[in-house]
Protein backbone atom coordinates (compact mmCIF):
# COMPACT_ATOMS: atom_id res chain seq x y z
CA MET A 1 15.77 -7.35 5.31
CA SER A 2 16.47 -4.56 3.09
CA ARG A 3 18.60 -1.58 4.07
CA LEU A 4 17.24 1.60 4.89
CA GLN A 5 16.39 4.23 2.32
CA VAL A 6 17.55 7.67 2.35
CA VAL A 7 16.75 9.82 -0.32
CA ILE A 8 17.99 12.96 -1.44
CA VAL A 9 15.33 15.74 -3.07
CA GLY A 10 15.26 19.30 -3.83
CA ARG A 11 14.92 21.76 -6.99
CA PRO A 12 17.74 21.37 -9.53
CA ASN A 13 21.50 22.80 -8.91
CA VAL A 14 21.16 23.03 -5.35
CA GLY A 15 24.26 20.30 -4.77
CA LYS A 16 22.64 16.95 -3.86
CA SER A 17 24.98 15.03 -6.22
CA SER A 18 27.91 16.61 -4.31
CA LEU A 19 26.27 15.89 -1.11
CA VAL A 20 25.97 12.05 -2.14
CA ASN A 21 29.50 12.00 -3.16
CA ARG A 22 30.58 13.77 0.42
CA LEU A 23 28.10 11.44 2.53
CA ALA A 24 29.48 8.12 0.54
CA GLY A 25 33.02 9.37 1.11
CA ARG A 26 33.79 8.68 -2.79
CA ARG A 27 32.71 10.05 -6.06
CA VAL A 28 29.79 8.46 -7.24
CA ALA A 29 27.71 11.00 -8.70
CA VAL A 30 28.48 13.33 -11.81
CA VAL A 31 28.75 17.03 -10.63
CA GLU A 32 28.53 20.02 -13.08
CA GLU A 33 27.60 23.55 -12.72
CA HIS A 34 24.72 23.10 -15.09
CA ARG A 35 20.84 22.36 -14.42
CA GLY A 36 19.53 19.36 -14.45
CA VAL A 37 22.68 17.03 -14.98
CA THR A 38 21.21 14.26 -12.76
CA ARG A 39 17.97 12.56 -14.37
CA ASP A 40 17.80 9.25 -13.11
CA ARG A 41 17.86 7.69 -9.45
CA LYS A 42 21.45 6.84 -8.24
CA SER A 43 21.67 4.55 -5.40
CA VAL A 44 24.84 4.07 -3.24
CA GLU A 45 25.48 2.08 0.09
CA VAL A 46 26.86 4.36 3.06
CA ASP A 47 28.08 3.07 6.24
CA TRP A 48 28.21 5.15 9.48
CA ARG A 49 28.68 4.09 12.88
CA GLY A 50 28.51 0.71 11.94
CA VAL A 51 25.06 1.35 10.24
CA SER A 52 24.50 0.60 6.90
CA PHE A 53 21.89 2.51 4.25
CA ASP A 54 21.16 3.21 0.80
CA LEU A 55 21.84 6.83 -0.27
CA VAL A 56 19.52 7.64 -3.11
CA ASP A 57 20.38 10.49 -5.57
CA THR A 58 17.73 12.18 -7.59
CA GLY A 59 17.17 14.29 -10.23
CA GLY A 60 15.70 17.98 -9.53
CA TRP A 61 12.03 18.08 -8.57
CA LEU A 62 10.22 20.70 -10.39
CA ALA A 63 6.27 21.46 -10.22
CA GLN A 64 6.48 22.56 -14.09
CA GLY A 65 8.63 22.06 -16.96
CA ASP A 66 9.05 20.30 -20.11
CA ALA A 67 8.36 16.67 -20.94
CA LEU A 68 11.84 15.36 -19.72
CA GLU A 69 11.62 17.41 -16.46
CA ALA A 70 8.46 16.10 -15.88
CA LYS A 71 10.05 12.28 -16.21
CA VAL A 72 12.66 13.26 -13.87
CA SER A 73 10.31 14.80 -11.15
CA GLU A 74 8.28 11.74 -11.48
CA GLN A 75 11.54 9.43 -10.73
CA ALA A 76 12.18 11.46 -7.88
CA GLU A 77 8.40 10.94 -6.41
CA ARG A 78 8.81 7.24 -6.93
CA ALA A 79 11.93 7.15 -4.93
CA ILE A 80 10.40 9.29 -2.17
CA ALA A 81 7.49 6.69 -2.10
CA ALA A 82 10.06 4.05 -0.98
CA ALA A 83 12.07 6.32 1.49
CA ASP A 84 12.64 5.71 5.10
CA HIS A 85 13.87 9.21 5.57
CA VAL A 86 14.36 12.35 3.12
CA LEU A 87 16.94 15.13 3.00
CA LEU A 88 15.33 18.25 1.52
CA VAL A 89 18.42 20.01 0.27
CA VAL A 90 18.38 23.82 -0.43
CA ASP A 91 21.06 26.31 -1.66
CA VAL A 92 22.29 29.30 0.64
CA ALA A 93 24.12 30.90 -2.01
CA THR A 94 20.94 31.43 -3.90
CA GLY A 95 18.39 31.95 -1.07
CA LEU A 96 14.96 30.84 -0.77
CA VAL A 97 13.29 30.65 -3.89
CA GLU A 98 9.27 29.59 -4.73
CA GLU A 99 10.89 26.53 -6.16
CA ASP A 100 12.23 25.68 -2.60
CA ARG A 101 8.90 26.01 -1.24
CA GLN A 102 6.92 23.85 -3.58
CA ALA A 103 9.78 21.25 -3.24
CA ALA A 104 9.44 21.25 0.61
CA ARG A 105 5.72 21.18 0.34
CA TRP A 106 5.74 18.03 -1.69
CA ALA A 107 8.12 16.37 0.60
CA LEU A 108 6.35 17.09 3.53
CA ARG A 109 3.07 15.60 2.08
CA SER A 110 4.71 12.57 1.43
CA GLY A 111 4.39 11.58 5.11
CA ARG A 112 8.23 10.24 5.26
CA PRO A 113 10.55 11.89 7.83
CA VAL A 114 12.24 14.88 6.29
CA SER A 115 15.49 16.78 7.52
CA LEU A 116 16.36 20.36 6.02
CA VAL A 117 19.71 20.30 4.59
CA VAL A 118 21.17 23.84 3.78
CA ASN A 119 24.19 23.42 1.43
CA LYS A 120 26.83 25.45 0.37
CA VAL A 121 27.60 26.95 3.94
CA ASP A 122 31.20 27.50 4.02
CA ASP A 123 31.43 29.70 7.32
CA ALA A 124 29.55 31.55 9.89
CA VAL A 125 28.27 34.45 7.68
CA HIS A 126 26.47 31.90 5.11
CA GLU A 127 25.47 30.05 8.48
CA SER A 128 23.66 33.05 9.55
CA ALA A 129 22.03 33.57 6.09
CA GLY A 130 20.58 30.07 6.24
CA TRP A 131 17.99 30.63 8.90
CA GLU A 132 15.63 31.62 6.53
CA PHE A 133 14.94 28.30 5.24
CA LEU A 134 13.02 27.93 8.55
CA SER A 135 10.20 29.18 7.06
CA LEU A 136 9.91 26.03 4.77
CA GLY A 137 8.43 24.03 7.99
CA ALA A 138 10.52 21.38 7.54
CA GLY A 139 12.29 21.88 11.07
CA ASP A 140 15.86 23.13 12.04
CA PRO A 141 18.58 23.31 9.42
CA HIS A 142 21.59 21.46 9.11
CA PHE A 143 24.30 23.59 7.40
CA VAL A 144 26.81 21.67 5.27
CA SER A 145 29.13 22.47 2.81
CA ALA A 146 29.23 19.39 0.23
CA LEU A 147 32.22 20.98 -1.47
CA HIS A 148 34.48 21.09 1.92
CA GLY A 149 32.93 18.48 3.97
CA ARG A 150 31.89 20.95 6.52
CA GLY A 151 28.70 19.48 8.77
CA ALA A 152 28.75 16.19 6.77
CA GLY A 153 29.72 14.02 9.98
CA ASP A 154 27.15 16.11 11.81
CA LEU A 155 24.69 15.18 9.27
CA LEU A 156 25.35 11.42 9.04
CA ASP A 157 25.45 11.26 13.00
CA HIS A 158 21.80 12.83 12.80
CA LEU A 159 20.46 10.61 10.18
CA VAL A 160 21.86 7.57 12.16
CA ASP A 161 20.26 8.44 15.28
CA THR A 162 16.82 9.58 13.73
CA MET A 163 16.50 6.24 11.84
CA ALA A 164 17.36 4.47 14.72
CA ALA A 165 14.59 5.99 16.97
CA ASN A 166 11.94 5.62 13.82
CA ALA A 167 13.00 2.11 13.77
CA VAL A 168 11.82 1.51 17.55
CA ASP A 169 8.52 3.83 16.98
CA ASP A 170 7.96 1.35 13.75
CA ALA A 171 8.44 -1.94 16.08
CA GLU A 172 5.89 -0.29 18.25
CA ASP A 173 3.25 0.39 15.72
CA VAL A 174 3.73 -3.21 14.36
CA ALA A 175 3.33 -4.63 17.80
CA GLU A 176 0.10 -2.61 18.47
CA ASP A 177 -1.11 -3.60 14.81
CA ASP A 178 -0.40 -7.14 15.91
CA ASP A 179 -2.95 -7.02 18.88
CA GLY A 180 -5.15 -10.00 17.65
CA ALA A 181 -7.79 -7.74 15.90
CA LEU A 182 -9.25 -9.01 12.70
CA ARG A 183 -7.50 -6.55 9.85
CA VAL A 184 -10.64 -5.38 7.87
CA ALA A 185 -9.38 -2.87 4.72
CA ILE A 186 -12.42 -0.96 3.47
CA VAL A 187 -11.00 -0.21 -0.28
CA GLY A 188 -13.28 1.35 -3.34
CA ARG A 189 -13.08 4.08 -5.94
CA PRO A 190 -13.62 7.78 -4.63
CA ASN A 191 -16.90 8.62 -3.51
CA VAL A 192 -18.76 5.32 -3.22
CA GLY A 193 -19.43 5.86 0.42
CA LYS A 194 -16.55 4.09 2.15
CA SER A 195 -15.91 6.70 4.66
CA THR A 196 -19.50 6.91 5.37
CA LEU A 197 -19.98 2.92 5.77
CA PHE A 198 -16.52 3.31 8.20
CA ASN A 199 -18.42 5.65 10.35
CA ARG A 200 -21.37 3.57 10.46
CA LEU A 201 -19.25 0.50 11.51
CA ILE A 202 -17.64 2.27 14.19
CA GLY A 203 -20.24 4.25 15.55
CA GLU A 204 -18.61 7.88 15.45
CA GLU A 205 -17.74 10.23 12.97
CA ARG A 206 -13.99 9.45 12.56
CA SER A 207 -13.23 9.85 8.69
CA VAL A 208 -14.35 12.95 6.97
CA VAL A 209 -17.44 12.37 4.68
CA HIS A 210 -18.06 14.87 1.58
CA ASP A 211 -19.74 14.38 -1.65
CA MET A 212 -16.19 15.49 -3.21
CA PRO A 213 -14.11 12.80 -4.40
CA GLY A 214 -10.81 12.00 -2.90
CA THR A 215 -11.85 13.51 1.02
CA THR A 216 -9.77 10.71 2.59
CA ARG A 217 -6.13 11.29 2.16
CA ASP A 218 -4.82 8.69 4.54
CA ALA A 219 -5.42 4.82 5.82
CA VAL A 220 -7.20 5.37 9.22
CA ASP A 221 -7.39 2.52 11.76
CA THR A 222 -9.88 2.07 14.49
CA VAL A 223 -10.37 -1.05 16.71
CA VAL A 224 -14.07 -1.91 17.30
CA GLU A 225 -14.90 -4.34 20.37
CA THR A 226 -17.43 -6.96 19.06
CA ASP A 227 -19.32 -9.89 20.74
CA THR A 228 -16.82 -12.29 18.77
CA GLY A 229 -13.42 -10.13 19.26
CA PRO A 230 -11.95 -6.96 18.37
CA ILE A 231 -12.03 -6.04 14.63
CA ARG A 232 -9.41 -3.26 13.14
CA PHE A 233 -11.19 -1.44 10.32
CA ILE A 234 -8.73 0.39 7.96
CA ASP A 235 -10.46 3.21 5.87
CA THR A 236 -8.54 4.03 2.77
CA ALA A 237 -8.23 6.51 0.28
CA GLY A 238 -10.25 5.90 -2.86
CA MET A 239 -8.37 4.55 -5.62
CA ARG A 240 -8.58 5.87 -9.11
CA ARG A 241 -6.96 4.81 -12.49
CA ARG A 242 -3.57 5.68 -12.95
CA ALA A 243 -4.24 8.25 -15.23
CA LYS A 244 -6.50 10.01 -13.21
CA THR A 245 -4.11 9.93 -10.12
CA GLU A 246 -2.21 13.29 -9.97
CA ALA A 247 1.43 13.14 -8.71
CA GLY A 248 2.35 14.00 -5.00
CA LEU A 249 -0.06 13.89 -2.45
CA GLU A 250 -2.92 11.54 -3.98
CA THR A 251 0.08 9.35 -5.34
CA TYR A 252 0.79 8.60 -1.77
CA ALA A 253 -2.51 8.18 -0.76
CA VAL A 254 -3.03 5.42 -3.11
CA LEU A 255 0.12 3.96 -2.11
CA ARG A 256 -0.69 3.91 1.69
CA SER A 257 -4.22 2.58 0.49
CA LEU A 258 -2.15 -0.36 -1.46
CA ASP A 259 -0.21 -1.13 1.99
CA ALA A 260 -3.36 -1.23 3.88
CA LEU A 261 -4.52 -4.12 1.74
CA ASP A 262 -1.54 -5.87 2.15
CA ARG A 263 -1.74 -6.20 5.71
CA ALA A 264 -5.54 -6.79 6.02
CA ASP A 265 -6.70 -10.25 6.83
CA ILE A 266 -10.23 -9.67 5.01
CA ALA A 267 -10.86 -6.66 2.22
CA VAL A 268 -14.37 -4.93 1.70
CA LEU A 269 -14.87 -3.91 -1.49
CA VAL A 270 -17.40 -1.09 -1.71
CA ILE A 271 -19.01 -0.34 -5.32
CA ASP A 272 -21.71 2.42 -6.03
CA ALA A 273 -24.73 0.57 -6.75
CA THR A 274 -25.92 3.36 -8.90
CA VAL A 275 -23.10 2.69 -11.22
CA GLY A 276 -22.49 -0.95 -11.11
CA ALA A 277 -19.21 -2.67 -11.02
CA THR A 278 -17.05 -0.73 -13.26
CA GLY A 279 -13.35 -1.48 -14.99
CA GLN A 280 -11.94 0.30 -11.96
CA ASP A 281 -13.34 -2.20 -9.50
CA GLN A 282 -12.51 -5.17 -11.53
CA ARG A 283 -8.76 -3.73 -11.05
CA LEU A 284 -9.21 -3.22 -7.57
CA ALA A 285 -10.54 -6.90 -6.94
CA GLU A 286 -7.57 -8.19 -9.06
CA ARG A 287 -5.45 -6.37 -6.51
CA ILE A 288 -7.41 -7.92 -3.79
CA ALA A 289 -6.92 -11.39 -5.45
CA ALA A 290 -3.32 -10.80 -5.67
CA ALA A 291 -3.13 -9.69 -1.94
CA GLY A 292 -4.57 -13.19 -1.32
CA CYS A 293 -7.10 -12.41 1.20
CA PRO A 294 -10.91 -13.09 1.41
CA ALA A 295 -13.05 -10.24 -0.04
CA ILE A 296 -16.49 -9.21 0.69
CA VAL A 297 -18.36 -7.02 -1.68
CA VAL A 298 -20.77 -4.19 -1.02
CA LEU A 299 -23.07 -2.58 -3.15
CA ASN A 300 -23.79 0.56 -1.35
CA LYS A 301 -26.49 3.24 -2.00
CA TRP A 302 -28.75 0.28 -2.84
CA GLU A 303 -31.99 1.96 -2.00
CA LEU A 304 -31.24 4.35 -4.76
CA VAL A 305 -31.52 1.91 -7.40
CA ALA A 306 -34.52 1.35 -9.21
CA THR A 307 -36.49 -2.03 -8.82
CA ASP A 308 -36.33 -2.73 -12.45
CA ASP A 309 -32.53 -1.79 -12.70
CA ARG A 310 -31.21 -4.27 -9.75
CA THR A 311 -30.79 -7.26 -11.80
CA SER A 312 -28.98 -5.74 -14.23
CA VAL A 313 -26.57 -4.29 -11.39
CA LEU A 314 -26.27 -7.46 -10.09
CA ALA A 315 -25.29 -8.80 -13.34
CA THR A 316 -22.33 -6.16 -13.75
CA VAL A 317 -21.01 -7.60 -10.18
CA GLY A 318 -21.09 -11.12 -11.85
CA ASP A 319 -19.10 -10.07 -14.97
CA LYS A 320 -16.32 -7.85 -13.67
CA LEU A 321 -15.70 -9.74 -10.55
CA ALA A 322 -16.18 -13.49 -11.55
CA PHE A 323 -12.62 -14.08 -10.57
CA LEU A 324 -13.56 -13.32 -6.91
CA GLY A 325 -15.34 -16.68 -6.99
CA ASP A 326 -18.18 -16.89 -4.39
CA ALA A 327 -17.45 -13.48 -2.25
CA PRO A 328 -20.46 -12.41 -0.48
CA VAL A 329 -22.33 -9.73 -2.00
CA LEU A 330 -24.24 -7.38 0.60
CA LYS A 331 -26.56 -4.67 -0.36
CA THR A 332 -26.46 -1.67 1.88
CA THR A 333 -27.16 2.07 2.24
CA ALA A 334 -24.76 3.45 4.69
CA THR A 335 -26.02 6.92 5.10
CA SER A 336 -29.32 5.05 6.68
CA GLY A 337 -27.74 2.14 7.93
CA LYS A 338 -29.92 -0.47 6.13
CA GLY A 339 -27.92 -3.82 5.48
CA VAL A 340 -24.85 -2.55 7.37
CA HIS A 341 -25.62 -4.87 10.19
CA ARG A 342 -25.09 -7.91 7.81
CA LEU A 343 -21.30 -7.10 7.36
CA LEU A 344 -20.27 -8.13 10.96
CA PRO A 345 -21.35 -11.72 10.49
CA ALA A 346 -20.04 -11.99 7.06
CA LEU A 347 -16.58 -10.90 8.32
CA GLN A 348 -16.66 -13.17 11.35
CA GLU A 349 -17.65 -15.97 8.68
CA SER A 350 -15.09 -15.31 6.15
CA ALA A 351 -12.03 -14.99 8.97
CA ALA A 352 -13.08 -18.35 10.12
CA ASP A 353 -12.98 -19.95 6.76
CA TYR A 354 -9.56 -18.36 6.06
CA VAL A 355 -7.91 -20.01 9.15
CA LYS A 356 -9.48 -23.27 8.53
CA ARG A 357 -7.48 -26.70 8.65
CA VAL A 358 -8.60 -29.74 7.57
CA PRO A 359 -7.61 -33.15 9.03
CA THR A 360 -5.37 -34.99 6.84
CA GLY A 361 -7.60 -38.40 7.13
CA ALA A 362 -10.70 -36.51 6.18
CA LEU A 363 -9.01 -34.54 3.43
CA ASN A 364 -7.85 -37.51 1.84
CA ARG A 365 -11.18 -39.38 2.19
CA ALA A 366 -12.62 -36.35 0.27
CA ILE A 367 -10.04 -37.05 -2.36
CA ARG A 368 -10.76 -40.51 -2.79
CA ASP A 369 -14.66 -39.55 -2.97
CA LEU A 370 -14.18 -37.02 -5.57
CA GLN A 371 -12.05 -39.13 -7.75
CA ILE A 372 -14.59 -41.85 -7.44
CA LYS A 373 -17.35 -39.50 -8.53
CA GLN A 374 -15.27 -37.98 -11.28
CA PRO A 375 -11.92 -39.66 -12.31
CA ALA A 376 -9.20 -37.57 -13.88
CA PRO A 377 -8.57 -37.92 -17.92
CA THR A 378 -5.26 -38.31 -17.24
CA GLY A 379 -3.26 -38.90 -13.75
CA LYS A 380 -4.36 -39.72 -10.67
CA ILE A 381 -4.20 -38.16 -7.10
CA ARG A 382 -2.28 -40.39 -4.57
CA TYR A 383 -2.87 -38.70 -1.68
CA ALA A 384 -3.12 -34.69 -0.50
CA VAL A 385 -1.86 -32.59 2.88
CA GLN A 386 -3.06 -29.35 3.79
CA GLY A 387 0.48 -27.20 3.86
CA ALA A 388 -0.80 -23.97 5.22
CA ILE A 389 -3.80 -21.62 6.16
CA GLU A 390 -4.28 -17.86 5.59
CA PRO A 391 -5.43 -19.13 2.81
CA PRO A 392 -6.09 -22.90 3.12
CA THR A 393 -3.64 -24.56 0.75
CA PHE A 394 -3.82 -28.02 -0.32
CA THR A 395 -0.90 -29.83 -1.84
CA LEU A 396 -1.73 -32.88 -4.08
CA PHE A 397 0.59 -35.56 -4.65
CA VAL A 398 -0.05 -37.14 -8.17
CA SER A 399 1.01 -39.43 -10.82
CA GLY A 400 0.49 -37.86 -14.35
CA ARG A 401 -0.70 -34.66 -15.38
CA LEU A 402 -3.88 -33.22 -14.43
CA PRO A 403 -5.66 -30.79 -16.43
CA ALA A 404 -6.54 -27.47 -15.18
CA THR A 405 -10.28 -27.94 -15.46
CA TYR A 406 -9.92 -31.14 -13.20
CA LEU A 407 -8.09 -29.03 -10.93
CA ARG A 408 -10.98 -26.30 -10.57
CA TYR A 409 -13.28 -29.46 -10.04
CA VAL A 410 -11.11 -30.39 -7.16
CA GLU A 411 -11.06 -26.97 -5.54
CA ARG A 412 -14.97 -26.54 -6.01
CA SER A 413 -15.57 -30.19 -4.21
CA LEU A 414 -13.12 -29.42 -1.35
CA ARG A 415 -14.68 -26.20 -0.79
CA GLU A 416 -18.34 -27.52 -0.77
CA ARG A 417 -17.07 -30.71 1.40
CA PHE A 418 -15.40 -28.41 4.14
CA GLU A 419 -17.75 -25.37 3.96
CA LEU A 420 -14.82 -23.25 3.15
CA GLY A 421 -17.24 -20.31 1.88
CA SER A 422 -15.63 -17.51 -0.13
CA THR A 423 -12.32 -17.75 1.16
CA PRO A 424 -9.30 -18.04 -1.24
CA LEU A 425 -8.07 -21.40 -1.76
CA ARG A 426 -4.84 -22.43 -3.31
CA VAL A 427 -4.22 -26.10 -4.75
CA ARG A 428 -0.72 -27.04 -5.47
CA VAL A 429 0.42 -29.91 -7.55
CA ARG A 430 3.73 -32.42 -7.06
CA VAL A 431 4.03 -34.95 -9.59
CA ASP A 432 5.73 -38.11 -8.53
């Protein structure tokens, strides 16, 4: 298990690197009285009260700046995206400035736990002045002097206690998420009707629906009881091309969407039927394939597509999403509810195929039959076993090498023989 990550952020020259050195107990970061000395992320291991975590120093974050400062800010944003806890550092000697407010808004929007650290508090007089930073909305300040060590131990105690409490909460969240419900992530580009479909499925206005792209900013989970068992629907923020994704809030929305996809059993890819499948839909489908979960394609707003254009729209799905194989393509209009009733049966069928296990005897009879029907040009399959489910994974023990075209034939034959539908299959080869 990887260590916890504590990321130190703040505007330039507030003493972040000095604080890293103090908390680490050794000089690991360059410290100079010049703006922007730290440009790259630096990580150092810290042990306190038997707890080990990585302390990550970042360059100063700026809302505006030159090209270099923009890259430094981007590095800080990447660090915070992976953080378990964030220390927002400010400078009591300088006082509260607009850059502190911008950095605080940015840190708080990340969704990570944030602790406010007021640095350069060498005495009680400076401590009194530090209370003005309460207006940042990051909670009660922790007063430290990185240079002299004042308050460093208390800050480390706070970090260890807070992360321990968060670890308990995270464990409870995992237990709640692992409630046996089928996890279904609804993904797609902005403004294709994901939230409208989500609300239609759960029967209430759970997600904000608006015709402005990007309304959904976080993944929203709702468990729905169905005749065949509970389903956890996860509505996600729309995922744009990276060039159109603004740094900050929308970046974290995309990261949470990808996390929702990674923990899903099935992905529902929603496409705007009035546009057809686009290059971005193709990239999202690639991400679904990488996650290894079954996919269902929903062509939403189907009623708005002219009859003469429907064939060409379906052709875009075949062209752009061919690597999703036989994924079902459903035609819906979420605003009216037309066609939405077909989604639940499709989900249940995909879920059943995803966990299907084929008896070894039946599998090897299928292997024998498909080789009789079409022998391999080189090599031979001696026997096969199913090593895993989610997705069904078959290992072939072969003599000689099998060409890729023959392996595709084997996969297609097994899919048809055991009615595995559109679920992903993995075929592995071991040469004896």
